[in-house]
Amino acid sequence: MGALGPYVQFAEGGDSGKVLWAATGTSLLRFEYDDPGPLRREFAAEVESLVRGGEPIAAGTAKLPYSRKPILARLATKRFDLGANVRFESRVVEFDPAWSEPSSARTATIPALGGGSYTIEVRAVDDEGNRSSVASRRFQVGSPWYFTWWAWALYALVAISTFQDCFAGVCGAPRPSSDGWND
């Protein structure tokens, strides 16, 4: 029990309750209250923009062309109180469903992805362990040229031509001529 002044004292009560004693003259008052615990703050994270090769990717872009350059996601949160020390976790669901380690960096790097539809998800965590709601953004990446339908058609034509030549006798050992000698 500790004293704050000549007339007020705090004490721990049972079941994690707190007790405040206040005395004035001949009166003694007892106040019991519960400790509400840490305050849960609601806040949101967001994917501000996606950038590849220094150029921003518009939000309504139907499909990004394939590139070996990584995509940079710029992250933000609407948490403006001092000392919040917000860190970000991110993941690309179709690439790696595990969340990244919390980082104070305001960007997330997405490696070069093959063709397909992808979703980046972001959430923020503050020092008190409060997590924000999950923000997501969908985007599509086109296939590299060597996986497009016309490339596969070209592969098929080359394969058919090669096998046809082998079966016709162009590949492998030369066939003897009608007189038994090779020219």
C-alpha atoms as a PDB file:
ATOM      1  CA  MET A   1       0.000   0.000   0.000  1.00  0.00           C
ATOM      2  CA  GLY A   2       1.477   3.363  -0.966  1.00  0.00           C
ATOM      3  CA  ALA A   3       0.425   6.860   0.043  1.00  0.00           C
ATOM      4  CA  LEU A   4      -0.108   9.633  -2.531  1.00  0.00           C
ATOM      5  CA  GLY A   5      -0.876  12.290   0.022  1.00  0.00           C
ATOM      6  CA  PRO A   6      -2.004  12.683   3.607  1.00  0.00           C
ATOM      7  CA  TYR A   7      -5.583  11.678   2.828  1.00  0.00           C
ATOM      8  CA  VAL A   8      -5.420   9.219  -0.144  1.00  0.00           C
ATOM      9  CA  GLN A   9      -4.022   5.679  -0.274  1.00  0.00           C
ATOM     10  CA  PHE A  10      -4.094   2.957  -2.969  1.00  0.00           C
ATOM     11  CA  ALA A  11      -4.188  -0.754  -2.245  1.00  0.00           C
ATOM     12  CA  GLU A  12      -4.468  -3.956  -4.263  1.00  0.00           C
ATOM     13  CA  GLY A  13      -7.777  -5.704  -3.835  1.00  0.00           C
ATOM     14  CA  GLY A  14      -8.673  -9.311  -4.559  1.00  0.00           C
ATOM     15  CA  ASP A  15      -9.160 -10.667  -8.113  1.00  0.00           C
ATOM     16  CA  SER A  16      -6.912  -7.988  -9.702  1.00  0.00           C
ATOM     17  CA  GLY A  17      -9.214  -5.190  -8.522  1.00  0.00           C
ATOM     18  CA  LYS A  18      -7.862  -1.894  -7.224  1.00  0.00           C
ATOM     19  CA  VAL A  19      -8.959  -0.068  -4.074  1.00  0.00           C
ATOM     20  CA  LEU A  20      -8.734   3.662  -3.436  1.00  0.00           C
ATOM     21  CA  TRP A  21      -9.061   4.944   0.128  1.00  0.00           C
ATOM     22  CA  ALA A  22      -9.792   8.609   0.655  1.00  0.00           C
ATOM     23  CA  ALA A  23     -10.150  10.242   4.057  1.00  0.00           C
ATOM     24  CA  THR A  24     -11.477  13.704   4.844  1.00  0.00           C
ATOM     25  CA  GLY A  25     -11.840  14.754   8.454  1.00  0.00           C
ATOM     26  CA  THR A  26     -13.892  12.042  10.113  1.00  0.00           C
ATOM     27  CA  SER A  27     -15.056  10.311   6.899  1.00  0.00           C
ATOM     28  CA  LEU A  28     -13.410   7.385   5.193  1.00  0.00           C
ATOM     29  CA  LEU A  29     -14.350   6.388   1.632  1.00  0.00           C
ATOM     30  CA  ARG A  30     -13.449   3.154  -0.142  1.00  0.00           C
ATOM     31  CA  PHE A  31     -13.583   2.980  -3.989  1.00  0.00           C
ATOM     32  CA  GLU A  32     -13.141  -0.376  -5.737  1.00  0.00           C
ATOM     33  CA  TYR A  33     -12.472  -0.517  -9.448  1.00  0.00           C
ATOM     34  CA  ASP A  34     -11.148  -2.965 -12.020  1.00  0.00           C
ATOM     35  CA  ASP A  35      -8.042  -2.362 -14.087  1.00  0.00           C
ATOM     36  CA  PRO A  36      -9.267  -2.194 -17.690  1.00  0.00           C
ATOM     37  CA  GLY A  37      -5.896  -3.367 -19.068  1.00  0.00           C
ATOM     38  CA  PRO A  38      -4.177  -1.918 -22.103  1.00  0.00           C
ATOM     39  CA  LEU A  39      -6.218   0.168 -24.478  1.00  0.00           C
ATOM     40  CA  ARG A  40      -6.944  -1.564 -27.812  1.00  0.00           C
ATOM     41  CA  ARG A  41      -6.482   0.940 -30.603  1.00  0.00           C
ATOM     42  CA  GLU A  42      -8.211   0.349 -33.905  1.00  0.00           C
ATOM     43  CA  PHE A  43      -6.228   1.472 -36.931  1.00  0.00           C
ATOM     44  CA  ALA A  44      -5.824   0.485 -40.554  1.00  0.00           C
ATOM     45  CA  ALA A  45      -2.898  -0.293 -42.815  1.00  0.00           C
ATOM     46  CA  GLU A  46      -2.949   0.248 -46.552  1.00  0.00           C
ATOM     47  CA  VAL A  47      -0.975  -0.411 -49.696  1.00  0.00           C
ATOM     48  CA  GLU A  48      -0.395   3.116 -50.976  1.00  0.00           C
ATOM     49  CA  SER A  49       1.107   2.156 -54.313  1.00  0.00           C
ATOM     50  CA  LEU A  50       3.000  -0.450 -56.286  1.00  0.00           C
ATOM     51  CA  VAL A  51       6.162   0.532 -58.164  1.00  0.00           C
ATOM     52  CA  ARG A  52       8.279  -1.476 -60.605  1.00  0.00           C
ATOM     53  CA  GLY A  53      11.491  -0.154 -62.077  1.00  0.00           C
ATOM     54  CA  GLY A  54      10.872   3.299 -60.606  1.00  0.00           C
ATOM     55  CA  GLU A  55       7.508   3.665 -62.366  1.00  0.00           C
ATOM     56  CA  PRO A  56       4.231   3.557 -60.413  1.00  0.00           C
ATOM     57  CA  ILE A  57       1.688   0.925 -61.348  1.00  0.00           C
ATOM     58  CA  ALA A  58      -1.821   2.346 -61.683  1.00  0.00           C
ATOM     59  CA  ALA A  59      -4.432   0.777 -59.399  1.00  0.00           C
ATOM     60  CA  GLY A  60      -6.693  -0.186 -62.319  1.00  0.00           C
ATOM     61  CA  THR A  61      -3.945  -1.830 -64.391  1.00  0.00           C
ATOM     62  CA  ALA A  62      -5.416  -5.004 -65.848  1.00  0.00           C
ATOM     63  CA  LYS A  63      -2.192  -6.977 -66.294  1.00  0.00           C
ATOM     64  CA  LEU A  64       1.455  -6.083 -65.807  1.00  0.00           C
ATOM     65  CA  PRO A  65       3.840  -7.306 -68.464  1.00  0.00           C
ATOM     66  CA  TYR A  66       6.342  -9.895 -67.260  1.00  0.00           C
ATOM     67  CA  SER A  67       9.603  -8.463 -65.949  1.00  0.00           C
ATOM     68  CA  ARG A  68      12.510  -9.708 -63.857  1.00  0.00           C
ATOM     69  CA  LYS A  69      12.415  -6.484 -61.861  1.00  0.00           C
ATOM     70  CA  PRO A  70      10.907  -6.741 -58.368  1.00  0.00           C
ATOM     71  CA  ILE A  71       7.746  -4.864 -57.428  1.00  0.00           C
ATOM     72  CA  LEU A  72       7.998  -2.403 -54.544  1.00  0.00           C
ATOM     73  CA  ALA A  73       4.870  -1.905 -52.408  1.00  0.00           C
ATOM     74  CA  ARG A  74       4.675   1.375 -50.507  1.00  0.00           C
ATOM     75  CA  LEU A  75       2.875   0.939 -47.183  1.00  0.00           C
ATOM     76  CA  ALA A  76       1.066   3.368 -44.905  1.00  0.00           C
ATOM     77  CA  THR A  77      -1.090   3.426 -41.809  1.00  0.00           C
ATOM     78  CA  LYS A  78      -3.524   5.892 -40.314  1.00  0.00           C
ATOM     79  CA  ARG A  79      -1.947   5.898 -36.879  1.00  0.00           C
ATOM     80  CA  PHE A  80      -0.744   9.376 -35.960  1.00  0.00           C
ATOM     81  CA  ASP A  81      -0.176   9.252 -32.192  1.00  0.00           C
ATOM     82  CA  LEU A  82       3.335   9.809 -30.886  1.00  0.00           C
ATOM     83  CA  GLY A  83       5.317   6.776 -29.915  1.00  0.00           C
ATOM     84  CA  ALA A  84       3.131   4.319 -31.807  1.00  0.00           C
ATOM     85  CA  ASN A  85       6.223   2.786 -33.456  1.00  0.00           C
ATOM     86  CA  VAL A  86       4.226   0.979 -36.102  1.00  0.00           C
ATOM     87  CA  ARG A  87       5.852  -1.930 -37.938  1.00  0.00           C
ATOM     88  CA  PHE A  88       4.521  -3.697 -41.022  1.00  0.00           C
ATOM     89  CA  GLU A  89       4.031  -7.354 -41.916  1.00  0.00           C
ATOM     90  CA  SER A  90       3.319  -8.379 -45.507  1.00  0.00           C
ATOM     91  CA  ARG A  91       2.828 -11.416 -47.704  1.00  0.00           C
ATOM     92  CA  VAL A  92       1.950 -12.353 -51.252  1.00  0.00           C
ATOM     93  CA  VAL A  93      -0.697 -14.982 -50.622  1.00  0.00           C
ATOM     94  CA  GLU A  94      -0.213 -17.042 -53.798  1.00  0.00           C
ATOM     95  CA  PHE A  95       3.605 -16.916 -53.542  1.00  0.00           C
ATOM     96  CA  ASP A  96       4.243 -17.421 -49.802  1.00  0.00           C
ATOM     97  CA  PRO A  97       1.308 -17.537 -47.350  1.00  0.00           C
ATOM     98  CA  ALA A  98       3.545 -16.861 -44.310  1.00  0.00           C
ATOM     99  CA  TRP A  99       3.644 -13.311 -42.922  1.00  0.00           C
ATOM    100  CA  SER A 100       6.987 -11.523 -43.022  1.00  0.00           C
ATOM    101  CA  GLU A 101       8.705 -10.453 -39.822  1.00  0.00           C
ATOM    102  CA  PRO A 102       7.513  -7.024 -38.585  1.00  0.00           C
ATOM    103  CA  SER A 103       9.645  -4.264 -40.083  1.00  0.00           C
ATOM    104  CA  SER A 104       9.699  -0.502 -39.592  1.00  0.00           C
ATOM    105  CA  ALA A 105      10.413  -0.087 -43.328  1.00  0.00           C
ATOM    106  CA  ARG A 106       7.535   1.572 -45.180  1.00  0.00           C
ATOM    107  CA  THR A 107       8.088  -0.638 -48.222  1.00  0.00           C
ATOM    108  CA  ALA A 108       7.801  -4.325 -49.032  1.00  0.00           C
ATOM    109  CA  THR A 109       9.719  -5.884 -51.917  1.00  0.00           C
ATOM    110  CA  ILE A 110       7.896  -8.469 -54.018  1.00  0.00           C
ATOM    111  CA  PRO A 111      10.284 -10.631 -56.051  1.00  0.00           C
ATOM    112  CA  ALA A 112       9.864 -11.076 -59.788  1.00  0.00           C
ATOM    113  CA  LEU A 113       6.796 -13.263 -60.205  1.00  0.00           C
ATOM    114  CA  GLY A 114       5.750 -15.566 -63.016  1.00  0.00           C
ATOM    115  CA  GLY A 115       2.471 -15.106 -64.835  1.00  0.00           C
ATOM    116  CA  GLY A 116      -0.709 -15.220 -62.778  1.00  0.00           C
ATOM    117  CA  SER A 117      -2.975 -13.362 -60.351  1.00  0.00           C
ATOM    118  CA  TYR A 118      -1.529 -12.308 -57.010  1.00  0.00           C
ATOM    119  CA  THR A 119      -2.702 -10.606 -53.815  1.00  0.00           C
ATOM    120  CA  ILE A 120      -0.421  -8.633 -51.521  1.00  0.00           C
ATOM    121  CA  GLU A 121      -1.709  -8.361 -47.956  1.00  0.00           C
ATOM    122  CA  VAL A 122      -0.372  -5.921 -45.374  1.00  0.00           C
ATOM    123  CA  ARG A 123      -1.043  -5.393 -41.683  1.00  0.00           C
ATOM    124  CA  ALA A 124       0.554  -3.127 -39.095  1.00  0.00           C
ATOM    125  CA  VAL A 125       1.581  -3.909 -35.513  1.00  0.00           C
ATOM    126  CA  ASP A 126       2.250  -1.307 -32.810  1.00  0.00           C
ATOM    127  CA  ASP A 127       4.439  -1.562 -29.678  1.00  0.00           C
ATOM    128  CA  GLU A 128       1.505  -2.727 -27.572  1.00  0.00           C
ATOM    129  CA  GLY A 129       0.913  -5.693 -29.900  1.00  0.00           C
ATOM    130  CA  ASN A 130      -2.239  -4.262 -31.469  1.00  0.00           C
ATOM    131  CA  ARG A 131      -2.678  -5.447 -35.067  1.00  0.00           C
ATOM    132  CA  SER A 132      -4.402  -3.388 -37.708  1.00  0.00           C
ATOM    133  CA  SER A 133      -6.976  -4.699 -40.105  1.00  0.00           C
ATOM    134  CA  VAL A 134      -5.531  -6.440 -43.173  1.00  0.00           C
ATOM    135  CA  ALA A 135      -5.286  -4.379 -46.349  1.00  0.00           C
ATOM    136  CA  SER A 136      -4.924  -6.103 -49.688  1.00  0.00           C
ATOM    137  CA  ARG A 137      -4.356  -5.271 -53.326  1.00  0.00           C
ATOM    138  CA  ARG A 138      -4.754  -7.625 -56.287  1.00  0.00           C
ATOM    139  CA  PHE A 139      -2.628  -7.490 -59.399  1.00  0.00           C
ATOM    140  CA  GLN A 140      -1.856  -9.701 -62.375  1.00  0.00           C
ATOM    141  CA  VAL A 141       1.447 -10.425 -64.050  1.00  0.00           C
ATOM    142  CA  GLY A 142       1.637 -11.592 -67.650  1.00  0.00           C
ATOM    143  CA  SER A 143       3.522 -14.742 -68.561  1.00  0.00           C
ATOM    144  CA  PRO A 144       7.056 -14.489 -69.947  1.00  0.00           C
ATOM    145  CA  TRP A 145       7.181 -14.792 -73.739  1.00  0.00           C
ATOM    146  CA  TYR A 146       8.492 -18.361 -73.571  1.00  0.00           C
ATOM    147  CA  PHE A 147       5.318 -19.480 -71.733  1.00  0.00           C
ATOM    148  CA  THR A 148       2.794 -17.810 -74.057  1.00  0.00           C
ATOM    149  CA  TRP A 149       0.498 -19.864 -76.309  1.00  0.00           C
ATOM    150  CA  TRP A 150       2.322 -18.861 -79.484  1.00  0.00           C
ATOM    151  CA  ALA A 151       5.686 -19.951 -77.984  1.00  0.00           C
ATOM    152  CA  TRP A 152       4.175 -23.348 -77.120  1.00  0.00           C
ATOM    153  CA  ALA A 153       2.825 -23.599 -80.672  1.00  0.00           C
ATOM    154  CA  LEU A 154       6.326 -22.883 -82.009  1.00  0.00           C
ATOM    155  CA  TYR A 155       7.792 -25.523 -79.660  1.00  0.00           C
ATOM    156  CA  ALA A 156       5.245 -28.046 -80.949  1.00  0.00           C
ATOM    157  CA  LEU A 157       6.079 -27.266 -84.597  1.00  0.00           C
ATOM    158  CA  VAL A 158       9.812 -27.666 -83.956  1.00  0.00           C
ATOM    159  CA  ALA A 159       9.207 -30.964 -82.115  1.00  0.00           C
ATOM    160  CA  ILE A 160       6.950 -32.322 -84.860  1.00  0.00           C
ATOM    161  CA  SER A 161       9.449 -31.287 -87.544  1.00  0.00           C
ATOM    162  CA  THR A 162      12.341 -32.881 -85.640  1.00  0.00           C
ATOM    163  CA  PHE A 163      10.532 -36.162 -85.046  1.00  0.00           C
ATOM    164  CA  GLN A 164       9.253 -36.282 -88.628  1.00  0.00           C
ATOM    165  CA  ASP A 165      12.802 -35.841 -89.943  1.00  0.00           C
ATOM    166  CA  CYS A 166      14.104 -38.560 -87.606  1.00  0.00           C
ATOM    167  CA  PHE A 167      11.441 -41.004 -88.718  1.00  0.00           C
ATOM    168  CA  ALA A 168      12.092 -40.150 -92.364  1.00  0.00           C
ATOM    169  CA  GLY A 169      15.761 -41.082 -91.941  1.00  0.00           C
ATOM    170  CA  VAL A 170      17.416 -37.668 -91.803  1.00  0.00           C
ATOM    171  CA  CYS A 171      18.529 -38.199 -88.187  1.00  0.00           C
ATOM    172  CA  GLY A 172      20.748 -41.079 -87.122  1.00  0.00           C
ATOM    173  CA  ALA A 173      22.689 -43.470 -89.354  1.00  0.00           C
ATOM    174  CA  PRO A 174      22.585 -42.958 -93.108  1.00  0.00           C
ATOM    175  CA  ARG A 175      20.572 -45.482 -95.063  1.00  0.00           C
ATOM    176  CA  PRO A 176      22.266 -47.541 -97.675  1.00  0.00           C
ATOM    177  CA  SER A 177      21.463 -46.773-101.276  1.00  0.00           C
ATOM    178  CA  SER A 178      19.864 -49.319-103.571  1.00  0.00           C
ATOM    179  CA  ASP A 179      23.243 -50.623-104.719  1.00  0.00           C
ATOM    180  CA  GLY A 180      24.449 -50.985-101.092  1.00  0.00           C
ATOM    181  CA  TRP A 181      26.905 -48.058-101.108  1.00  0.00           C
ATOM    182  CA  ASN A 182      26.511 -44.701 -99.335  1.00  0.00           C
ATOM    183  CA  ASP A 183      27.214 -41.621-101.387  1.00  0.00           C
END
